[in-house]
Amino acid sequence: MIEIFLNGERRALPSVHTISDVVSALGLVPPMILIEHNGTALRRSEWPSTSISDQDRLEILQVAAGG
């Protein structure tokens, strides 16, 4: 179990090691989100290689299409 801050709120997640794991654990659709990890915006290509540590801070923004 790892504890992170997700959009400012403390959240415990089981078995996550990378940003990609977090996206999967939360059931998010990758093409529709932007992620900032500890103050750094990440490219989607960086998600599989970016490790998550206890107490890390993630900001996840959902892109919404509209008209």
PDB file of N, CA and C in Angstrom:
ATOM      1  N   MET A   1       0.859  -1.179   0.000  1.00  0.00           N
ATOM      2  CA  MET A   1       0.000   0.000   0.000  1.00  0.00           C
ATOM      3  C   MET A   1       0.901   1.237   0.000  1.00  0.00           C
ATOM      4  N   ILE A   2       0.540   2.189  -0.837  1.00  0.00           N
ATOM      5  CA  ILE A   2       1.286   3.446  -0.899  1.00  0.00           C
ATOM      6  C   ILE A   2       0.297   4.587  -0.681  1.00  0.00           C
ATOM      7  N   GLU A   3       0.745   5.616  -0.008  1.00  0.00           N
ATOM      8  CA  GLU A   3      -0.108   6.770   0.250  1.00  0.00           C
ATOM      9  C   GLU A   3       0.432   7.967  -0.515  1.00  0.00           C
ATOM     10  N   ILE A   4      -0.450   8.582  -1.330  1.00  0.00           N
ATOM     11  CA  ILE A   4      -0.076   9.757  -2.109  1.00  0.00           C
ATOM     12  C   ILE A   4      -1.084  10.868  -1.849  1.00  0.00           C
ATOM     13  N   PHE A   5      -0.784  12.029  -2.360  1.00  0.00           N
ATOM     14  CA  PHE A   5      -1.741  13.134  -2.355  1.00  0.00           C
ATOM     15  C   PHE A   5      -2.226  13.291  -3.786  1.00  0.00           C
ATOM     16  N   LEU A   6      -3.503  13.072  -3.998  1.00  0.00           N
ATOM     17  CA  LEU A   6      -4.101  13.133  -5.322  1.00  0.00           C
ATOM     18  C   LEU A   6      -5.034  14.334  -5.370  1.00  0.00           C
ATOM     19  N   ASN A   7      -4.654  15.316  -6.170  1.00  0.00           N
ATOM     20  CA  ASN A   7      -5.418  16.569  -6.264  1.00  0.00           C
ATOM     21  C   ASN A   7      -5.664  17.158  -4.876  1.00  0.00           C
ATOM     22  N   GLY A   8      -4.623  17.105  -4.046  1.00  0.00           N
ATOM     23  CA  GLY A   8      -4.666  17.724  -2.722  1.00  0.00           C
ATOM     24  C   GLY A   8      -5.240  16.866  -1.611  1.00  0.00           C
ATOM     25  N   GLU A   9      -5.758  15.684  -1.939  1.00  0.00           N
ATOM     26  CA  GLU A   9      -6.345  14.822  -0.921  1.00  0.00           C
ATOM     27  C   GLU A   9      -5.519  13.555  -0.740  1.00  0.00           C
ATOM     28  N   ARG A  10      -5.330  13.169   0.509  1.00  0.00           N
ATOM     29  CA  ARG A  10      -4.579  11.950   0.819  1.00  0.00           C
ATOM     30  C   ARG A  10      -5.342  10.741   0.281  1.00  0.00           C
ATOM     31  N   ARG A  11      -4.613   9.829  -0.366  1.00  0.00           N
ATOM     32  CA  ARG A  11      -5.250   8.648  -0.969  1.00  0.00           C
ATOM     33  C   ARG A  11      -4.302   7.462  -0.864  1.00  0.00           C
ATOM     34  N   ALA A  12      -4.810   6.330  -0.426  1.00  0.00           N
ATOM     35  CA  ALA A  12      -4.023   5.098  -0.344  1.00  0.00           C
ATOM     36  C   ALA A  12      -4.340   4.237  -1.560  1.00  0.00           C
ATOM     37  N   LEU A  13      -3.290   3.748  -2.223  1.00  0.00           N
ATOM     38  CA  LEU A  13      -3.456   2.905  -3.400  1.00  0.00           C
ATOM     39  C   LEU A  13      -2.627   1.635  -3.242  1.00  0.00           C
ATOM     40  N   PRO A  14      -3.203   0.474  -3.543  1.00  0.00           N
ATOM     41  CA  PRO A  14      -2.450  -0.773  -3.456  1.00  0.00           C
ATOM     42  C   PRO A  14      -1.654  -1.046  -4.728  1.00  0.00           C
ATOM     43  N   SER A  15      -0.474  -1.591  -4.564  1.00  0.00           N
ATOM     44  CA  SER A  15       0.325  -2.120  -5.682  1.00  0.00           C
ATOM     45  C   SER A  15       0.548  -1.157  -6.837  1.00  0.00           C
ATOM     46  N   VAL A  16       0.926   0.070  -6.562  1.00  0.00           N
ATOM     47  CA  VAL A  16       1.290   0.993  -7.641  1.00  0.00           C
ATOM     48  C   VAL A  16       2.776   1.315  -7.527  1.00  0.00           C
ATOM     49  N   HIS A  17       3.452   1.306  -8.675  1.00  0.00           N
ATOM     50  CA  HIS A  17       4.882   1.587  -8.697  1.00  0.00           C
ATOM     51  C   HIS A  17       5.237   2.729  -9.646  1.00  0.00           C
ATOM     52  N   THR A  18       4.359   2.960 -10.627  1.00  0.00           N
ATOM     53  CA  THR A  18       4.601   3.999 -11.627  1.00  0.00           C
ATOM     54  C   THR A  18       3.334   4.828 -11.828  1.00  0.00           C
ATOM     55  N   ILE A  19       3.494   5.915 -12.555  1.00  0.00           N
ATOM     56  CA  ILE A  19       2.337   6.744 -12.904  1.00  0.00           C
ATOM     57  C   ILE A  19       1.328   5.924 -13.712  1.00  0.00           C
ATOM     58  N   SER A  20       1.808   5.089 -14.611  1.00  0.00           N
ATOM     59  CA  SER A  20       0.906   4.225 -15.389  1.00  0.00           C
ATOM     60  C   SER A  20       0.079   3.333 -14.480  1.00  0.00           C
ATOM     61  N   ASP A  21       0.691   2.808 -13.420  1.00  0.00           N
ATOM     62  CA  ASP A  21      -0.043   1.979 -12.461  1.00  0.00           C
ATOM     63  C   ASP A  21      -1.158   2.775 -11.784  1.00  0.00           C
ATOM     64  N   VAL A  22      -0.878   4.015 -11.446  1.00  0.00           N
ATOM     65  CA  VAL A  22      -1.883   4.866 -10.801  1.00  0.00           C
ATOM     66  C   VAL A  22      -3.056   5.098 -11.758  1.00  0.00           C
ATOM     67  N   VAL A  23      -2.745   5.408 -13.011  1.00  0.00           N
ATOM     68  CA  VAL A  23      -3.789   5.638 -14.007  1.00  0.00           C
ATOM     69  C   VAL A  23      -4.684   4.400 -14.121  1.00  0.00           C
ATOM     70  N   SER A  24      -4.072   3.227 -14.174  1.00  0.00           N
ATOM     71  CA  SER A  24      -4.842   1.979 -14.259  1.00  0.00           C
ATOM     72  C   SER A  24      -5.662   1.739 -13.004  1.00  0.00           C
ATOM     73  N   ALA A  25      -5.052   1.941 -11.835  1.00  0.00           N
ATOM     74  CA  ALA A  25      -5.737   1.702 -10.563  1.00  0.00           C
ATOM     75  C   ALA A  25      -6.959   2.604 -10.405  1.00  0.00           C
ATOM     76  N   LEU A  26      -6.887   3.802 -10.955  1.00  0.00           N
ATOM     77  CA  LEU A  26      -7.992   4.751 -10.845  1.00  0.00           C
ATOM     78  C   LEU A  26      -9.008   4.605 -11.980  1.00  0.00           C
ATOM     79  N   GLY A  27      -8.708   3.744 -12.945  1.00  0.00           N
ATOM     80  CA  GLY A  27      -9.624   3.519 -14.064  1.00  0.00           C
ATOM     81  C   GLY A  27      -9.758   4.717 -14.986  1.00  0.00           C
ATOM     82  N   LEU A  28      -8.677   5.468 -15.140  1.00  0.00           N
ATOM     83  CA  LEU A  28      -8.713   6.667 -15.978  1.00  0.00           C
ATOM     84  C   LEU A  28      -8.419   6.335 -17.440  1.00  0.00           C
ATOM     85  N   VAL A  29      -8.906   7.172 -18.347  1.00  0.00           N
ATOM     86  CA  VAL A  29      -8.676   7.004 -19.777  1.00  0.00           C
ATOM     87  C   VAL A  29      -7.482   7.887 -20.153  1.00  0.00           C
ATOM     88  N   PRO A  30      -6.327   7.285 -20.445  1.00  0.00           N
ATOM     89  CA  PRO A  30      -5.101   8.063 -20.682  1.00  0.00           C
ATOM     90  C   PRO A  30      -5.201   9.211 -21.680  1.00  0.00           C
ATOM     91  N   PRO A  31      -5.865   9.061 -22.839  1.00  0.00           N
ATOM     92  CA  PRO A  31      -5.896  10.195 -23.768  1.00  0.00           C
ATOM     93  C   PRO A  31      -6.661  11.415 -23.246  1.00  0.00           C
ATOM     94  N   MET A  32      -7.409  11.242 -22.157  1.00  0.00           N
ATOM     95  CA  MET A  32      -8.250  12.317 -21.662  1.00  0.00           C
ATOM     96  C   MET A  32      -7.720  12.984 -20.391  1.00  0.00           C
ATOM     97  N   ILE A  33      -6.466  12.685 -19.998  1.00  0.00           N
ATOM     98  CA  ILE A  33      -5.951  13.277 -18.765  1.00  0.00           C
ATOM     99  C   ILE A  33      -4.556  13.866 -18.948  1.00  0.00           C
ATOM    100  N   LEU A  34      -4.249  14.814 -18.084  1.00  0.00           N
ATOM    101  CA  LEU A  34      -2.924  15.417 -17.962  1.00  0.00           C
ATOM    102  C   LEU A  34      -2.482  15.186 -16.528  1.00  0.00           C
ATOM    103  N   ILE A  35      -1.179  14.911 -16.336  1.00  0.00           N
ATOM    104  CA  ILE A  35      -0.687  14.604 -14.991  1.00  0.00           C
ATOM    105  C   ILE A  35       0.533  15.451 -14.644  1.00  0.00           C
ATOM    106  N   GLU A  36       0.493  15.972 -13.416  1.00  0.00           N
ATOM    107  CA  GLU A  36       1.631  16.671 -12.822  1.00  0.00           C
ATOM    108  C   GLU A  36       2.084  15.845 -11.621  1.00  0.00           C
ATOM    109  N   HIS A  37       3.371  15.530 -11.570  1.00  0.00           N
ATOM    110  CA  HIS A  37       3.944  14.709 -10.499  1.00  0.00           C
ATOM    111  C   HIS A  37       4.953  15.544  -9.721  1.00  0.00           C
ATOM    112  N   ASN A  38       4.652  15.801  -8.467  1.00  0.00           N
ATOM    113  CA  ASN A  38       5.518  16.619  -7.613  1.00  0.00           C
ATOM    114  C   ASN A  38       5.919  17.936  -8.284  1.00  0.00           C
ATOM    115  N   GLY A  39       4.944  18.571  -8.927  1.00  0.00           N
ATOM    116  CA  GLY A  39       5.170  19.886  -9.519  1.00  0.00           C
ATOM    117  C   GLY A  39       5.698  19.871 -10.938  1.00  0.00           C
ATOM    118  N   THR A  40       5.907  18.699 -11.527  1.00  0.00           N
ATOM    119  CA  THR A  40       6.434  18.600 -12.884  1.00  0.00           C
ATOM    120  C   THR A  40       5.401  17.959 -13.801  1.00  0.00           C
ATOM    121  N   ALA A  41       5.051  18.662 -14.879  1.00  0.00           N
ATOM    122  CA  ALA A  41       4.121  18.104 -15.862  1.00  0.00           C
ATOM    123  C   ALA A  41       4.818  16.973 -16.606  1.00  0.00           C
ATOM    124  N   LEU A  42       4.095  15.882 -16.797  1.00  0.00           N
ATOM    125  CA  LEU A  42       4.660  14.711 -17.459  1.00  0.00           C
ATOM    126  C   LEU A  42       4.048  14.473 -18.828  1.00  0.00           C
ATOM    127  N   ARG A  43       4.884  14.032 -19.754  1.00  0.00           N
ATOM    128  CA  ARG A  43       4.379  13.542 -21.038  1.00  0.00           C
ATOM    129  C   ARG A  43       3.856  12.132 -20.807  1.00  0.00           C
ATOM    130  N   ARG A  44       2.891  11.727 -21.585  1.00  0.00           N
ATOM    131  CA  ARG A  44       2.332  10.379 -21.448  1.00  0.00           C
ATOM    132  C   ARG A  44       3.426   9.320 -21.613  1.00  0.00           C
ATOM    133  N   SER A  45       4.403   9.580 -22.454  1.00  0.00           N
ATOM    134  CA  SER A  45       5.495   8.621 -22.677  1.00  0.00           C
ATOM    135  C   SER A  45       6.363   8.427 -21.433  1.00  0.00           C
ATOM    136  N   GLU A  46       6.288   9.366 -20.479  1.00  0.00           N
ATOM    137  CA  GLU A  46       7.070   9.271 -19.240  1.00  0.00           C
ATOM    138  C   GLU A  46       6.358   8.479 -18.145  1.00  0.00           C
ATOM    139  N   TRP A  47       5.055   8.253 -18.284  1.00  0.00           N
ATOM    140  CA  TRP A  47       4.284   7.596 -17.227  1.00  0.00           C
ATOM    141  C   TRP A  47       4.831   6.225 -16.838  1.00  0.00           C
ATOM    142  N   PRO A  48       5.173   5.346 -17.795  1.00  0.00           N
ATOM    143  CA  PRO A  48       5.639   4.004 -17.403  1.00  0.00           C
ATOM    144  C   PRO A  48       6.982   4.009 -16.660  1.00  0.00           C
ATOM    145  N   SER A  49       7.797   5.018 -16.884  1.00  0.00           N
ATOM    146  CA  SER A  49       9.123   5.042 -16.259  1.00  0.00           C
ATOM    147  C   SER A  49       9.214   5.976 -15.052  1.00  0.00           C
ATOM    148  N   THR A  50       8.121   6.661 -14.714  1.00  0.00           N
ATOM    149  CA  THR A  50       8.132   7.570 -13.570  1.00  0.00           C
ATOM    150  C   THR A  50       7.624   6.837 -12.336  1.00  0.00           C
ATOM    151  N   SER A  51       8.530   6.633 -11.382  1.00  0.00           N
ATOM    152  CA  SER A  51       8.203   5.903 -10.159  1.00  0.00           C
ATOM    153  C   SER A  51       7.384   6.752  -9.204  1.00  0.00           C
ATOM    154  N   ILE A  52       6.546   6.073  -8.443  1.00  0.00           N
ATOM    155  CA  ILE A  52       5.731   6.708  -7.409  1.00  0.00           C
ATOM    156  C   ILE A  52       6.307   6.309  -6.060  1.00  0.00           C
ATOM    157  N   SER A  53       6.441   7.270  -5.177  1.00  0.00           N
ATOM    158  CA  SER A  53       6.920   7.018  -3.818  1.00  0.00           C
ATOM    159  C   SER A  53       5.867   7.483  -2.821  1.00  0.00           C
ATOM    160  N   ASP A  54       5.948   6.950  -1.631  1.00  0.00           N
ATOM    161  CA  ASP A  54       5.039   7.348  -0.565  1.00  0.00           C
ATOM    162  C   ASP A  54       5.088   8.859  -0.380  1.00  0.00           C
ATOM    163  N   GLN A  55       3.931   9.479  -0.247  1.00  0.00           N
ATOM    164  CA  GLN A  55       3.757  10.910  -0.020  1.00  0.00           C
ATOM    165  C   GLN A  55       3.969  11.774  -1.260  1.00  0.00           C
ATOM    166  N   ASP A  56       4.117  11.169  -2.444  1.00  0.00           N
ATOM    167  CA  ASP A  56       4.208  11.960  -3.673  1.00  0.00           C
ATOM    168  C   ASP A  56       2.911  12.717  -3.887  1.00  0.00           C
ATOM    169  N   ARG A  57       3.010  13.788  -4.669  1.00  0.00           N
ATOM    170  CA  ARG A  57       1.844  14.612  -4.971  1.00  0.00           C
ATOM    171  C   ARG A  57       1.545  14.534  -6.466  1.00  0.00           C
ATOM    172  N   LEU A  58       0.301  14.170  -6.773  1.00  0.00           N
ATOM    173  CA  LEU A  58      -0.160  14.105  -8.156  1.00  0.00           C
ATOM    174  C   LEU A  58      -1.334  15.042  -8.342  1.00  0.00           C
ATOM    175  N   GLU A  59      -1.307  15.749  -9.438  1.00  0.00           N
ATOM    176  CA  GLU A  59      -2.455  16.538  -9.860  1.00  0.00           C
ATOM    177  C   GLU A  59      -2.887  15.925 -11.187  1.00  0.00           C
ATOM    178  N   ILE A  60      -4.123  15.506 -11.274  1.00  0.00           N
ATOM    179  CA  ILE A  60      -4.638  14.887 -12.480  1.00  0.00           C
ATOM    180  C   ILE A  60      -5.798  15.738 -12.989  1.00  0.00           C
ATOM    181  N   LEU A  61      -5.672  16.190 -14.227  1.00  0.00           N
ATOM    182  CA  LEU A  61      -6.703  17.009 -14.846  1.00  0.00           C
ATOM    183  C   LEU A  61      -7.357  16.214 -15.969  1.00  0.00           C
ATOM    184  N   GLN A  62      -8.681  16.210 -16.013  1.00  0.00           N
ATOM    185  CA  GLN A  62      -9.412  15.542 -17.079  1.00  0.00           C
ATOM    186  C   GLN A  62      -9.737  16.555 -18.162  1.00  0.00           C
ATOM    187  N   VAL A  63      -9.407  16.194 -19.383  1.00  0.00           N
ATOM    188  CA  VAL A  63      -9.708  17.032 -20.538  1.00  0.00           C
ATOM    189  C   VAL A  63     -11.136  16.727 -20.958  1.00  0.00           C
ATOM    190  N   ALA A  64     -11.925  17.772 -21.131  1.00  0.00           N
ATOM    191  CA  ALA A  64     -13.318  17.590 -21.537  1.00  0.00           C
ATOM    192  C   ALA A  64     -13.561  18.291 -22.868  1.00  0.00           C
ATOM    193  N   ALA A  65     -14.143  17.566 -23.782  1.00  0.00           N
ATOM    194  CA  ALA A  65     -14.503  18.156 -25.069  1.00  0.00           C
ATOM    195  C   ALA A  65     -15.916  18.724 -24.956  1.00  0.00           C
ATOM    196  N   GLY A  66     -16.133  19.765 -25.658  1.00  0.00           N
ATOM    197  CA  GLY A  66     -17.470  20.354 -25.603  1.00  0.00           C
ATOM    198  C   GLY A  66     -17.655  21.338 -26.730  1.00  0.00           C
ATOM    199  N   GLY A  67     -18.820  21.866 -26.775  1.00  0.00           N
ATOM    200  CA  GLY A  67     -19.012  22.798 -27.862  1.00  0.00           C
ATOM    201  C   GLY A  67     -20.164  23.713 -27.636  1.00  0.00           C
TER     202      GLY A  67
END
